[in-house]
């Protein structure tokens, strides 16, 4: 029998939810992706914050435990850190290659072998314990700052300049800018000066960001061999300093600016050949000679017009002093004894 719906039944049917179509598959997928991306971003930000805090804490702890070495020389642009052995022989000034975080420590095995010399390591801006935020890393500024430091150290005799890698460019330019102040040049797998368009690049900020976020410390903690020299020439304390200072100084503003000017600085050095009467010793590594076909010929060409020169290829990496300090010191001593007047002669 048919019956009429009661008022209550009518109200209930009117209040019942109206069926709707389920969300489209594409919309559900986009929603899941957005949700997952949000979670990933939150995790990345959290890990980054942890890395920054951990890096700052580790740096503060290291700096508290590792007393600074050397002495500070105040220039107008900032402080330059210097070490000096004070030996009785000729003054030999070591200039590091590009990016070496702690030059005085990096050269330690070679310094120990050069005990017959008065060895000075000048850590330019961006290196070691020197100021890390000084710009305009032109070859003119780098060499004039070196000259000013040596004057403030009261070095009053011609020095032997020994430059590793890019330091070789600066040694060559310095010898032409201050010819009366240089007794000889030694290249430690030094860069050959090459003319270019003199373009100055844009300083990279990537390395600085990686360093500030503590990511470089993460990498070097996982793979310490990336920054530790091979062999047994370094003490445990020196290795600890190398690791710590690599993390402190990585990608600093001065280093970044210098990198952007290397091409221009090389061009300016190329315009100033070695003086014919300046004794020059070049020590090249088998790694560079074997991997870069132009390395040996380029150095041979640079020496053609030099009356007194010697070129030796030693087994080892670009950082020859990591494993060949004893052999290098012997060659250097022989060359200096034969071709450089003794101090105060």
C-alpha atoms as a PDB file:
ATOM      1  CA  UNK A   1       0.000   0.000   0.000  1.00  0.00           C
ATOM      2  CA  UNK A   2       1.323   3.471  -0.887  1.00  0.00           C
ATOM      3  CA  UNK A   3       1.833   5.918   1.906  1.00  0.00           C
ATOM      4  CA  UNK A   4       2.839   9.514   2.146  1.00  0.00           C
ATOM      5  CA  UNK A   5       6.209  10.246   3.764  1.00  0.00           C
ATOM      6  CA  UNK A   6       6.006  11.699   7.186  1.00  0.00           C
ATOM      7  CA  UNK A   7       7.418  15.194   7.806  1.00  0.00           C
ATOM      8  CA  UNK A   8      10.309  13.690   9.752  1.00  0.00           C
ATOM      9  CA  UNK A   9      11.246  11.394   6.878  1.00  0.00           C
ATOM     10  CA  UNK A  10      11.074  14.315   4.451  1.00  0.00           C
ATOM     11  CA  UNK A  11      13.419  16.406   6.594  1.00  0.00           C
ATOM     12  CA  UNK A  12      15.866  13.533   6.960  1.00  0.00           C
ATOM     13  CA  UNK A  13      16.024  13.027   3.198  1.00  0.00           C
ATOM     14  CA  UNK A  14      16.552  16.766   2.641  1.00  0.00           C
ATOM     15  CA  UNK A  15      19.481  16.862   5.139  1.00  0.00           C
ATOM     16  CA  UNK A  16      21.234  13.804   3.711  1.00  0.00           C
ATOM     17  CA  UNK A  17      24.609  14.596   2.059  1.00  0.00           C
ATOM     18  CA  UNK A  18      24.538  14.914  -1.659  1.00  0.00           C
ATOM     19  CA  UNK A  19      26.877  12.354  -3.262  1.00  0.00           C
ATOM     20  CA  UNK A  20      29.922  13.951  -4.966  1.00  0.00           C
ATOM     21  CA  UNK A  21      32.407  12.596  -7.492  1.00  0.00           C
ATOM     22  CA  UNK A  22      35.768  11.407  -6.032  1.00  0.00           C
ATOM     23  CA  UNK A  23      38.842  13.653  -6.700  1.00  0.00           C
ATOM     24  CA  UNK A  24      40.413  13.110 -10.088  1.00  0.00           C
ATOM     25  CA  UNK A  25      43.498  10.858 -10.053  1.00  0.00           C
ATOM     26  CA  UNK A  26      45.725  13.740 -11.235  1.00  0.00           C
ATOM     27  CA  UNK A  27      44.602  15.981  -8.406  1.00  0.00           C
ATOM     28  CA  UNK A  28      45.249  13.265  -5.820  1.00  0.00           C
ATOM     29  CA  UNK A  29      48.708  12.657  -7.287  1.00  0.00           C
ATOM     30  CA  UNK A  30      49.595  16.364  -7.210  1.00  0.00           C
ATOM     31  CA  UNK A  31      48.422  16.597  -3.639  1.00  0.00           C
ATOM     32  CA  UNK A  32      50.583  13.645  -2.586  1.00  0.00           C
ATOM     33  CA  UNK A  33      53.594  15.122  -4.408  1.00  0.00           C
ATOM     34  CA  UNK A  34      53.117  18.507  -2.740  1.00  0.00           C
ATOM     35  CA  UNK A  35      52.768  16.836   0.650  1.00  0.00           C
ATOM     36  CA  UNK A  36      55.899  14.747   0.116  1.00  0.00           C
ATOM     37  CA  UNK A  37      57.841  17.773  -1.160  1.00  0.00           C
ATOM     38  CA  UNK A  38      56.868  19.700   1.948  1.00  0.00           C
ATOM     39  CA  UNK A  39      58.128  16.908   4.171  1.00  0.00           C
ATOM     40  CA  UNK A  40      61.391  16.653   2.204  1.00  0.00           C
ATOM     41  CA  UNK A  41      61.914  20.424   2.361  1.00  0.00           C
ATOM     42  CA  UNK A  42      61.310  20.423   6.094  1.00  0.00           C
ATOM     43  CA  UNK A  43      63.812  17.592   6.567  1.00  0.00           C
ATOM     44  CA  UNK A  44      66.415  19.353   4.394  1.00  0.00           C
ATOM     45  CA  UNK A  45      66.001  22.596   6.326  1.00  0.00           C
ATOM     46  CA  UNK A  46      66.295  20.766   9.614  1.00  0.00           C
ATOM     47  CA  UNK A  47      69.439  18.915   8.508  1.00  0.00           C
ATOM     48  CA  UNK A  48      70.921  22.162   7.184  1.00  0.00           C
ATOM     49  CA  UNK A  49      70.271  23.867  10.514  1.00  0.00           C
ATOM     50  CA  UNK A  50      71.889  20.952  12.331  1.00  0.00           C
ATOM     51  CA  UNK A  51      74.889  21.144   9.963  1.00  0.00           C
ATOM     52  CA  UNK A  52      75.301  24.891  10.478  1.00  0.00           C
ATOM     53  CA  UNK A  53      75.109  24.607  14.259  1.00  0.00           C
ATOM     54  CA  UNK A  54      77.428  21.584  14.369  1.00  0.00           C
ATOM     55  CA  UNK A  55      79.960  23.269  12.085  1.00  0.00           C
ATOM     56  CA  UNK A  56      79.955  26.444  14.182  1.00  0.00           C
ATOM     57  CA  UNK A  57      80.406  24.429  17.356  1.00  0.00           C
ATOM     58  CA  UNK A  58      83.227  22.338  15.870  1.00  0.00           C
ATOM     59  CA  UNK A  59      84.998  25.437  14.553  1.00  0.00           C
ATOM     60  CA  UNK A  60      84.742  27.216  17.906  1.00  0.00           C
ATOM     61  CA  UNK A  61      86.070  24.145  19.695  1.00  0.00           C
ATOM     62  CA  UNK A  62      88.991  23.735  17.277  1.00  0.00           C
ATOM     63  CA  UNK A  63      89.959  27.386  17.469  1.00  0.00           C
ATOM     64  CA  UNK A  64      89.881  27.190  21.237  1.00  0.00           C
ATOM     65  CA  UNK A  65      92.157  24.154  21.304  1.00  0.00           C
ATOM     66  CA  UNK A  66      94.580  25.045  18.488  1.00  0.00           C
ATOM     67  CA  UNK A  67      96.669  28.084  19.384  1.00  0.00           C
ATOM     68  CA  UNK A  68      97.529  30.311  16.403  1.00  0.00           C
ATOM     69  CA  UNK A  69     101.048  29.923  15.027  1.00  0.00           C
ATOM     70  CA  UNK A  70     103.348  32.604  13.620  1.00  0.00           C
ATOM     71  CA  UNK A  71     103.229  36.347  14.044  1.00  0.00           C
ATOM     72  CA  UNK A  72     100.781  38.895  12.738  1.00  0.00           C
ATOM     73  CA  UNK A  73     101.940  41.768  10.513  1.00  0.00           C
ATOM     74  CA  UNK A  74      99.450  44.616  10.248  1.00  0.00           C
ATOM     75  CA  UNK A  75      98.941  46.077   6.768  1.00  0.00           C
ATOM     76  CA  UNK A  76      96.401  48.722   5.803  1.00  0.00           C
ATOM     77  CA  UNK A  77      94.140  46.071   4.261  1.00  0.00           C
ATOM     78  CA  UNK A  78      94.331  43.660   7.191  1.00  0.00           C
ATOM     79  CA  UNK A  79      96.526  41.278   9.155  1.00  0.00           C
ATOM     80  CA  UNK A  80      98.983  38.954   7.408  1.00  0.00           C
ATOM     81  CA  UNK A  81     100.265  35.911   9.265  1.00  0.00           C
ATOM     82  CA  UNK A  82     103.963  35.056   8.957  1.00  0.00           C
ATOM     83  CA  UNK A  83     106.223  32.282  10.229  1.00  0.00           C
ATOM     84  CA  UNK A  84     110.026  32.463  10.279  1.00  0.00           C
ATOM     85  CA  UNK A  85     112.653  29.924  11.298  1.00  0.00           C
ATOM     86  CA  UNK A  86     115.462  32.447  11.826  1.00  0.00           C
ATOM     87  CA  UNK A  87     118.193  30.230  10.393  1.00  0.00           C
ATOM     88  CA  UNK A  88     121.682  31.548   9.666  1.00  0.00           C
ATOM     89  CA  UNK A  89     121.619  30.997   5.900  1.00  0.00           C
ATOM     90  CA  UNK A  90     120.014  32.876   3.023  1.00  0.00           C
ATOM     91  CA  UNK A  91     116.455  34.090   3.421  1.00  0.00           C
ATOM     92  CA  UNK A  92     114.108  31.789   1.523  1.00  0.00           C
ATOM     93  CA  UNK A  93     110.482  32.898   1.194  1.00  0.00           C
ATOM     94  CA  UNK A  94     107.848  30.224   0.511  1.00  0.00           C
ATOM     95  CA  UNK A  95     104.680  31.193  -1.358  1.00  0.00           C
ATOM     96  CA  UNK A  96     101.830  28.690  -1.370  1.00  0.00           C
ATOM     97  CA  UNK A  97      99.656  27.602  -4.260  1.00  0.00           C
ATOM     98  CA  UNK A  98      96.081  28.722  -4.716  1.00  0.00           C
ATOM     99  CA  UNK A  99      93.672  27.629  -2.004  1.00  0.00           C
ATOM    100  CA  UNK A 100      96.164  26.020   0.391  1.00  0.00           C
ATOM    101  CA  UNK A 101      94.311  26.500   3.704  1.00  0.00           C
ATOM    102  CA  UNK A 102      97.346  26.640   6.022  1.00  0.00           C
ATOM    103  CA  UNK A 103     100.547  27.324   4.035  1.00  0.00           C
ATOM    104  CA  UNK A 104     102.933  27.292   7.002  1.00  0.00           C
ATOM    105  CA  UNK A 105     101.654  23.838   7.987  1.00  0.00           C
ATOM    106  CA  UNK A 106     101.481  22.580   4.412  1.00  0.00           C
ATOM    107  CA  UNK A 107     105.166  23.461   3.896  1.00  0.00           C
ATOM    108  CA  UNK A 108     106.227  21.959   7.265  1.00  0.00           C
ATOM    109  CA  UNK A 109     108.075  18.904   5.854  1.00  0.00           C
ATOM    110  CA  UNK A 110     110.046  21.097   3.447  1.00  0.00           C
ATOM    111  CA  UNK A 111     110.798  23.686   6.131  1.00  0.00           C
ATOM    112  CA  UNK A 112     112.275  20.973   8.347  1.00  0.00           C
ATOM    113  CA  UNK A 113     114.602  19.934   5.514  1.00  0.00           C
ATOM    114  CA  UNK A 114     115.653  23.529   4.784  1.00  0.00           C
ATOM    115  CA  UNK A 115     117.270  24.014   8.180  1.00  0.00           C
ATOM    116  CA  UNK A 116     120.297  25.741   6.630  1.00  0.00           C
ATOM    117  CA  UNK A 117     118.075  28.657   5.494  1.00  0.00           C
ATOM    118  CA  UNK A 118     116.158  31.419   7.190  1.00  0.00           C
ATOM    119  CA  UNK A 119     112.744  30.263   5.933  1.00  0.00           C
ATOM    120  CA  UNK A 120     109.815  32.675   5.877  1.00  0.00           C
ATOM    121  CA  UNK A 121     106.253  31.704   4.989  1.00  0.00           C
ATOM    122  CA  UNK A 122     103.978  34.625   4.191  1.00  0.00           C
ATOM    123  CA  UNK A 123     100.329  33.589   4.362  1.00  0.00           C
ATOM    124  CA  UNK A 124      98.600  36.066   2.085  1.00  0.00           C
ATOM    125  CA  UNK A 125      95.051  37.291   2.553  1.00  0.00           C
ATOM    126  CA  UNK A 126      92.674  34.336   2.502  1.00  0.00           C
ATOM    127  CA  UNK A 127      95.266  31.890   3.837  1.00  0.00           C
ATOM    128  CA  UNK A 128      96.158  30.452   7.227  1.00  0.00           C
ATOM    129  CA  UNK A 129      95.640  32.924  10.038  1.00  0.00           C
ATOM    130  CA  UNK A 130      95.618  35.982   7.779  1.00  0.00           C
ATOM    131  CA  UNK A 131      92.537  38.138   7.117  1.00  0.00           C
ATOM    132  CA  UNK A 132      90.005  36.256   4.987  1.00  0.00           C
ATOM    133  CA  UNK A 133      87.865  39.084   3.611  1.00  0.00           C
ATOM    134  CA  UNK A 134      90.223  41.302   1.605  1.00  0.00           C
ATOM    135  CA  UNK A 135      89.321  41.831  -2.038  1.00  0.00           C
ATOM    136  CA  UNK A 136      91.180  42.962  -5.154  1.00  0.00           C
ATOM    137  CA  UNK A 137      93.513  39.964  -5.246  1.00  0.00           C
ATOM    138  CA  UNK A 138      95.374  41.321  -8.264  1.00  0.00           C
ATOM    139  CA  UNK A 139      98.960  40.256  -8.854  1.00  0.00           C
ATOM    140  CA  UNK A 140     100.018  43.852  -8.206  1.00  0.00           C
ATOM    141  CA  UNK A 141      98.375  43.896  -4.780  1.00  0.00           C
ATOM    142  CA  UNK A 142      99.582  40.423  -3.822  1.00  0.00           C
ATOM    143  CA  UNK A 143     103.207  41.225  -4.644  1.00  0.00           C
ATOM    144  CA  UNK A 144     103.187  44.711  -3.146  1.00  0.00           C
ATOM    145  CA  UNK A 145     101.749  43.290   0.079  1.00  0.00           C
ATOM    146  CA  UNK A 146     104.508  40.673   0.117  1.00  0.00           C
ATOM    147  CA  UNK A 147     107.114  43.406  -0.325  1.00  0.00           C
ATOM    148  CA  UNK A 148     105.594  45.439   2.490  1.00  0.00           C
ATOM    149  CA  UNK A 149     105.584  42.419   4.820  1.00  0.00           C
ATOM    150  CA  UNK A 150     109.262  41.670   4.138  1.00  0.00           C
ATOM    151  CA  UNK A 151     110.134  45.304   4.807  1.00  0.00           C
ATOM    152  CA  UNK A 152     108.276  45.191   8.120  1.00  0.00           C
ATOM    153  CA  UNK A 153     110.204  42.024   9.000  1.00  0.00           C
ATOM    154  CA  UNK A 154     113.424  43.992   8.333  1.00  0.00           C
ATOM    155  CA  UNK A 155     114.609  41.653   5.596  1.00  0.00           C
ATOM    156  CA  UNK A 156     117.442  43.728   4.179  1.00  0.00           C
ATOM    157  CA  UNK A 157     119.026  41.265   1.762  1.00  0.00           C
ATOM    158  CA  UNK A 158     117.905  39.789  -1.565  1.00  0.00           C
ATOM    159  CA  UNK A 159     115.689  36.784  -0.924  1.00  0.00           C
ATOM    160  CA  UNK A 160     115.200  33.456  -2.648  1.00  0.00           C
ATOM    161  CA  UNK A 161     111.544  33.253  -3.663  1.00  0.00           C
ATOM    162  CA  UNK A 162     110.074  29.747  -3.854  1.00  0.00           C
ATOM    163  CA  UNK A 163     106.543  29.597  -5.208  1.00  0.00           C
ATOM    164  CA  UNK A 164     104.287  26.561  -5.437  1.00  0.00           C
ATOM    165  CA  UNK A 165     101.741  26.464  -8.274  1.00  0.00           C
ATOM    166  CA  UNK A 166     100.121  29.925  -8.529  1.00  0.00           C
ATOM    167  CA  UNK A 167     102.750  31.157  -6.076  1.00  0.00           C
ATOM    168  CA  UNK A 168     105.205  30.756  -8.937  1.00  0.00           C
ATOM    169  CA  UNK A 169     103.348  33.444 -10.904  1.00  0.00           C
ATOM    170  CA  UNK A 170     103.599  35.822  -7.965  1.00  0.00           C
ATOM    171  CA  UNK A 171     107.305  35.063  -7.458  1.00  0.00           C
ATOM    172  CA  UNK A 172     108.020  35.795 -11.108  1.00  0.00           C
ATOM    173  CA  UNK A 173     106.084  39.075 -11.075  1.00  0.00           C
ATOM    174  CA  UNK A 174     107.696  40.105  -7.775  1.00  0.00           C
ATOM    175  CA  UNK A 175     111.197  39.507  -9.168  1.00  0.00           C
ATOM    176  CA  UNK A 176     110.460  41.918 -12.004  1.00  0.00           C
ATOM    177  CA  UNK A 177     108.791  44.500  -9.781  1.00  0.00           C
ATOM    178  CA  UNK A 178     111.620  44.413  -7.197  1.00  0.00           C
ATOM    179  CA  UNK A 179     114.678  43.087  -9.066  1.00  0.00           C
ATOM    180  CA  UNK A 180     117.189  44.244  -6.458  1.00  0.00           C
ATOM    181  CA  UNK A 181     115.358  42.319  -3.739  1.00  0.00           C
ATOM    182  CA  UNK A 182     115.474  38.840  -5.314  1.00  0.00           C
ATOM    183  CA  UNK A 183     118.551  36.597  -5.458  1.00  0.00           C
ATOM    184  CA  UNK A 184     116.919  33.584  -7.157  1.00  0.00           C
ATOM    185  CA  UNK A 185     113.582  32.002  -8.048  1.00  0.00           C
ATOM    186  CA  UNK A 186     112.508  28.446  -7.263  1.00  0.00           C
ATOM    187  CA  UNK A 187     109.374  27.013  -8.825  1.00  0.00           C
ATOM    188  CA  UNK A 188     107.638  24.128  -7.047  1.00  0.00           C
ATOM    189  CA  UNK A 189     105.537  22.698  -9.875  1.00  0.00           C
ATOM    190  CA  UNK A 190     104.793  26.340 -10.560  1.00  0.00           C
ATOM    191  CA  UNK A 191     102.190  27.488 -13.045  1.00  0.00           C
ATOM    192  CA  UNK A 192     103.656  28.626 -16.339  1.00  0.00           C
ATOM    193  CA  UNK A 193     102.525  32.166 -17.128  1.00  0.00           C
ATOM    194  CA  UNK A 194     100.031  32.209 -20.002  1.00  0.00           C
ATOM    195  CA  UNK A 195      98.677  35.206 -21.878  1.00  0.00           C
ATOM    196  CA  UNK A 196      94.911  35.473 -22.206  1.00  0.00           C
ATOM    197  CA  UNK A 197      92.177  38.041 -22.807  1.00  0.00           C
ATOM    198  CA  UNK A 198      92.730  39.498 -19.319  1.00  0.00           C
ATOM    199  CA  UNK A 199      89.080  38.902 -18.462  1.00  0.00           C
ATOM    200  CA  UNK A 200      88.313  39.014 -14.753  1.00  0.00           C
ATOM    201  CA  UNK A 201      85.662  36.511 -13.770  1.00  0.00           C
ATOM    202  CA  UNK A 202      82.951  36.778 -11.166  1.00  0.00           C
ATOM    203  CA  UNK A 203      83.999  35.558  -7.723  1.00  0.00           C
ATOM    204  CA  UNK A 204      82.257  32.288  -6.932  1.00  0.00           C
ATOM    205  CA  UNK A 205      80.043  32.217  -3.869  1.00  0.00           C
ATOM    206  CA  UNK A 206      79.223  28.508  -4.060  1.00  0.00           C
ATOM    207  CA  UNK A 207      82.248  27.387  -2.051  1.00  0.00           C
ATOM    208  CA  UNK A 208      81.570  30.011   0.595  1.00  0.00           C
ATOM    209  CA  UNK A 209      77.977  28.848   1.000  1.00  0.00           C
ATOM    210  CA  UNK A 210      79.078  25.199   1.163  1.00  0.00           C
ATOM    211  CA  UNK A 211      81.618  26.108   3.836  1.00  0.00           C
ATOM    212  CA  UNK A 212      79.232  28.280   5.854  1.00  0.00           C
ATOM    213  CA  UNK A 213      76.563  25.571   5.881  1.00  0.00           C
ATOM    214  CA  UNK A 214      79.056  23.043   7.182  1.00  0.00           C
ATOM    215  CA  UNK A 215      78.665  20.821   4.130  1.00  0.00           C
ATOM    216  CA  UNK A 216      82.381  20.888   3.392  1.00  0.00           C
ATOM    217  CA  UNK A 217      83.056  19.614   6.899  1.00  0.00           C
ATOM    218  CA  UNK A 218      80.565  16.797   6.314  1.00  0.00           C
ATOM    219  CA  UNK A 219      82.386  15.766   3.126  1.00  0.00           C
ATOM    220  CA  UNK A 220      85.864  15.956   4.667  1.00  0.00           C
ATOM    221  CA  UNK A 221      84.691  14.003   7.704  1.00  0.00           C
ATOM    222  CA  UNK A 222      83.356  11.218   5.512  1.00  0.00           C
ATOM    223  CA  UNK A 223      86.372  11.298   3.170  1.00  0.00           C
ATOM    224  CA  UNK A 224      89.344  12.782   5.106  1.00  0.00           C
ATOM    225  CA  UNK A 225      91.818  11.753   2.397  1.00  0.00           C
ATOM    226  CA  UNK A 226      90.422  14.575   0.262  1.00  0.00           C
ATOM    227  CA  UNK A 227      92.360  17.089   2.360  1.00  0.00           C
ATOM    228  CA  UNK A 228      95.079  15.011   4.030  1.00  0.00           C
ATOM    229  CA  UNK A 229      98.499  14.738   2.350  1.00  0.00           C
ATOM    230  CA  UNK A 230      99.743  11.223   1.620  1.00  0.00           C
ATOM    231  CA  UNK A 231     102.869   9.797   3.205  1.00  0.00           C
ATOM    232  CA  UNK A 232     104.330  10.077   6.682  1.00  0.00           C
ATOM    233  CA  UNK A 233     105.998  13.500   6.595  1.00  0.00           C
ATOM    234  CA  UNK A 234     103.400  15.234   8.807  1.00  0.00           C
ATOM    235  CA  UNK A 235     102.944  14.939  12.549  1.00  0.00           C
ATOM    236  CA  UNK A 236      99.511  14.095  14.026  1.00  0.00           C
ATOM    237  CA  UNK A 237      99.258  17.684  15.283  1.00  0.00           C
ATOM    238  CA  UNK A 238      99.972  19.054  11.791  1.00  0.00           C
ATOM    239  CA  UNK A 239      97.366  16.782  10.272  1.00  0.00           C
ATOM    240  CA  UNK A 240      94.832  17.960  12.818  1.00  0.00           C
ATOM    241  CA  UNK A 241      95.573  21.571  11.883  1.00  0.00           C
ATOM    242  CA  UNK A 242      95.316  20.818   8.174  1.00  0.00           C
ATOM    243  CA  UNK A 243      91.870  19.263   8.648  1.00  0.00           C
ATOM    244  CA  UNK A 244      90.618  22.026  10.933  1.00  0.00           C
ATOM    245  CA  UNK A 245      91.913  24.959   8.908  1.00  0.00           C
ATOM    246  CA  UNK A 246      90.656  23.465   5.655  1.00  0.00           C
ATOM    247  CA  UNK A 247      87.175  23.689   7.124  1.00  0.00           C
ATOM    248  CA  UNK A 248      87.687  27.173   8.566  1.00  0.00           C
ATOM    249  CA  UNK A 249      89.083  28.763   5.421  1.00  0.00           C
ATOM    250  CA  UNK A 250      87.277  26.954   2.611  1.00  0.00           C
ATOM    251  CA  UNK A 251      85.713  29.285   0.048  1.00  0.00           C
ATOM    252  CA  UNK A 252      86.463  32.512   1.933  1.00  0.00           C
ATOM    253  CA  UNK A 253      85.939  35.845   0.110  1.00  0.00           C
ATOM    254  CA  UNK A 254      89.648  36.540  -0.516  1.00  0.00           C
ATOM    255  CA  UNK A 255      90.197  33.099  -2.057  1.00  0.00           C
ATOM    256  CA  UNK A 256      87.082  33.487  -4.181  1.00  0.00           C
ATOM    257  CA  UNK A 257      88.273  36.851  -5.475  1.00  0.00           C
ATOM    258  CA  UNK A 258      91.751  35.493  -6.219  1.00  0.00           C
ATOM    259  CA  UNK A 259      90.260  32.648  -8.244  1.00  0.00           C
ATOM    260  CA  UNK A 260      88.345  35.110 -10.399  1.00  0.00           C
ATOM    261  CA  UNK A 261      91.618  36.925 -11.196  1.00  0.00           C
ATOM    262  CA  UNK A 262      93.962  33.998 -11.869  1.00  0.00           C
ATOM    263  CA  UNK A 263      93.650  34.322 -15.624  1.00  0.00           C
ATOM    264  CA  UNK A 264      94.334  38.041 -15.535  1.00  0.00           C
ATOM    265  CA  UNK A 265      97.194  37.585 -13.071  1.00  0.00           C
ATOM    266  CA  UNK A 266      98.763  34.925 -15.286  1.00  0.00           C
ATOM    267  CA  UNK A 267      98.569  37.266 -18.265  1.00  0.00           C
ATOM    268  CA  UNK A 268     100.331  40.029 -16.357  1.00  0.00           C
ATOM    269  CA  UNK A 269     103.049  37.602 -15.249  1.00  0.00           C
ATOM    270  CA  UNK A 270     103.507  36.426 -18.840  1.00  0.00           C
ATOM    271  CA  UNK A 271     104.262  40.013 -19.848  1.00  0.00           C
ATOM    272  CA  UNK A 272     107.213  39.991 -17.431  1.00  0.00           C
ATOM    273  CA  UNK A 273     109.652  37.193 -18.431  1.00  0.00           C
ATOM    274  CA  UNK A 274     112.359  35.980 -16.091  1.00  0.00           C
ATOM    275  CA  UNK A 275     115.368  38.288 -16.146  1.00  0.00           C
ATOM    276  CA  UNK A 276     118.256  36.722 -18.060  1.00  0.00           C
ATOM    277  CA  UNK A 277     120.667  37.122 -15.132  1.00  0.00           C
ATOM    278  CA  UNK A 278     118.313  35.769 -12.435  1.00  0.00           C
ATOM    279  CA  UNK A 279     119.064  32.173 -11.348  1.00  0.00           C
ATOM    280  CA  UNK A 280     115.933  30.045 -11.741  1.00  0.00           C
ATOM    281  CA  UNK A 281     115.352  26.491 -10.484  1.00  0.00           C
ATOM    282  CA  UNK A 282     112.204  24.673 -11.617  1.00  0.00           C
ATOM    283  CA  UNK A 283     111.071  21.505  -9.800  1.00  0.00           C
ATOM    284  CA  UNK A 284     108.256  19.784 -11.693  1.00  0.00           C
ATOM    285  CA  UNK A 285     106.126  16.799 -10.696  1.00  0.00           C
ATOM    286  CA  UNK A 286     105.649  13.665 -12.769  1.00  0.00           C
ATOM    287  CA  UNK A 287     101.896  13.984 -12.152  1.00  0.00           C
ATOM    288  CA  UNK A 288     101.745  17.346 -13.930  1.00  0.00           C
ATOM    289  CA  UNK A 289     104.196  16.372 -16.674  1.00  0.00           C
ATOM    290  CA  UNK A 290     102.347  13.127 -17.418  1.00  0.00           C
ATOM    291  CA  UNK A 291      98.808  14.507 -17.317  1.00  0.00           C
ATOM    292  CA  UNK A 292      99.379  17.858 -19.054  1.00  0.00           C
ATOM    293  CA  UNK A 293     101.434  17.535 -22.263  1.00  0.00           C
ATOM    294  CA  UNK A 294     102.118  21.274 -22.333  1.00  0.00           C
ATOM    295  CA  UNK A 295     103.494  21.460 -18.762  1.00  0.00           C
ATOM    296  CA  UNK A 296     107.140  20.557 -19.412  1.00  0.00           C
ATOM    297  CA  UNK A 297     107.515  22.374 -22.779  1.00  0.00           C
ATOM    298  CA  UNK A 298     105.976  25.546 -21.338  1.00  0.00           C
ATOM    299  CA  UNK A 299     108.536  25.635 -18.532  1.00  0.00           C
ATOM    300  CA  UNK A 300     111.393  24.870 -20.910  1.00  0.00           C
ATOM    301  CA  UNK A 301     110.367  27.824 -23.065  1.00  0.00           C
ATOM    302  CA  UNK A 302     110.266  30.118 -20.023  1.00  0.00           C
ATOM    303  CA  UNK A 303     113.847  29.185 -19.165  1.00  0.00           C
ATOM    304  CA  UNK A 304     115.343  29.558 -22.653  1.00  0.00           C
ATOM    305  CA  UNK A 305     116.538  33.117 -22.115  1.00  0.00           C
ATOM    306  CA  UNK A 306     117.709  32.558 -18.518  1.00  0.00           C
ATOM    307  CA  UNK A 307     121.467  32.231 -18.318  1.00  0.00           C
ATOM    308  CA  UNK A 308     121.552  30.238 -15.076  1.00  0.00           C
ATOM    309  CA  UNK A 309     118.759  27.724 -14.757  1.00  0.00           C
ATOM    310  CA  UNK A 310     118.032  24.137 -13.805  1.00  0.00           C
ATOM    311  CA  UNK A 311     114.940  22.007 -14.364  1.00  0.00           C
ATOM    312  CA  UNK A 312     114.269  18.771 -12.484  1.00  0.00           C
ATOM    313  CA  UNK A 313     111.282  16.430 -12.753  1.00  0.00           C
ATOM    314  CA  UNK A 314     110.574  14.575  -9.494  1.00  0.00           C
ATOM    315  CA  UNK A 315     108.257  11.645  -8.875  1.00  0.00           C
ATOM    316  CA  UNK A 316     105.129  12.825  -7.113  1.00  0.00           C
ATOM    317  CA  UNK A 317     101.947  14.852  -7.176  1.00  0.00           C
ATOM    318  CA  UNK A 318     101.460  18.556  -7.849  1.00  0.00           C
ATOM    319  CA  UNK A 319     102.163  19.088  -4.143  1.00  0.00           C
ATOM    320  CA  UNK A 320     105.728  17.803  -4.426  1.00  0.00           C
ATOM    321  CA  UNK A 321     106.663  18.869  -0.898  1.00  0.00           C
ATOM    322  CA  UNK A 322     104.169  16.383   0.534  1.00  0.00           C
ATOM    323  CA  UNK A 323     106.417  13.448  -0.352  1.00  0.00           C
ATOM    324  CA  UNK A 324     109.657  14.797  -1.848  1.00  0.00           C
ATOM    325  CA  UNK A 325     110.824  17.403   0.659  1.00  0.00           C
ATOM    326  CA  UNK A 326     114.178  15.747   1.331  1.00  0.00           C
ATOM    327  CA  UNK A 327     115.069  15.470  -2.357  1.00  0.00           C
ATOM    328  CA  UNK A 328     113.822  19.000  -3.026  1.00  0.00           C
ATOM    329  CA  UNK A 329     115.870  20.458  -0.177  1.00  0.00           C
ATOM    330  CA  UNK A 330     119.022  18.769  -1.482  1.00  0.00           C
ATOM    331  CA  UNK A 331     118.527  20.157  -4.980  1.00  0.00           C
ATOM    332  CA  UNK A 332     117.713  23.614  -3.623  1.00  0.00           C
ATOM    333  CA  UNK A 333     120.814  23.642  -1.391  1.00  0.00           C
ATOM    334  CA  UNK A 334     123.071  22.610  -4.283  1.00  0.00           C
ATOM    335  CA  UNK A 335     121.582  25.207  -6.621  1.00  0.00           C
ATOM    336  CA  UNK A 336     121.836  28.024  -4.083  1.00  0.00           C
ATOM    337  CA  UNK A 337     125.399  27.102  -3.119  1.00  0.00           C
ATOM    338  CA  UNK A 338     126.466  27.175  -6.770  1.00  0.00           C
ATOM    339  CA  UNK A 339     124.605  30.251  -7.981  1.00  0.00           C
ATOM    340  CA  UNK A 340     123.569  32.527  -5.091  1.00  0.00           C
ATOM    341  CA  UNK A 341     125.945  34.679  -3.082  1.00  0.00           C
ATOM    342  CA  UNK A 342     125.877  33.882   0.636  1.00  0.00           C
ATOM    343  CA  UNK A 343     124.134  36.419   2.879  1.00  0.00           C
ATOM    344  CA  UNK A 344     126.163  39.435   3.939  1.00  0.00           C
ATOM    345  CA  UNK A 345     128.991  38.416   1.576  1.00  0.00           C
END
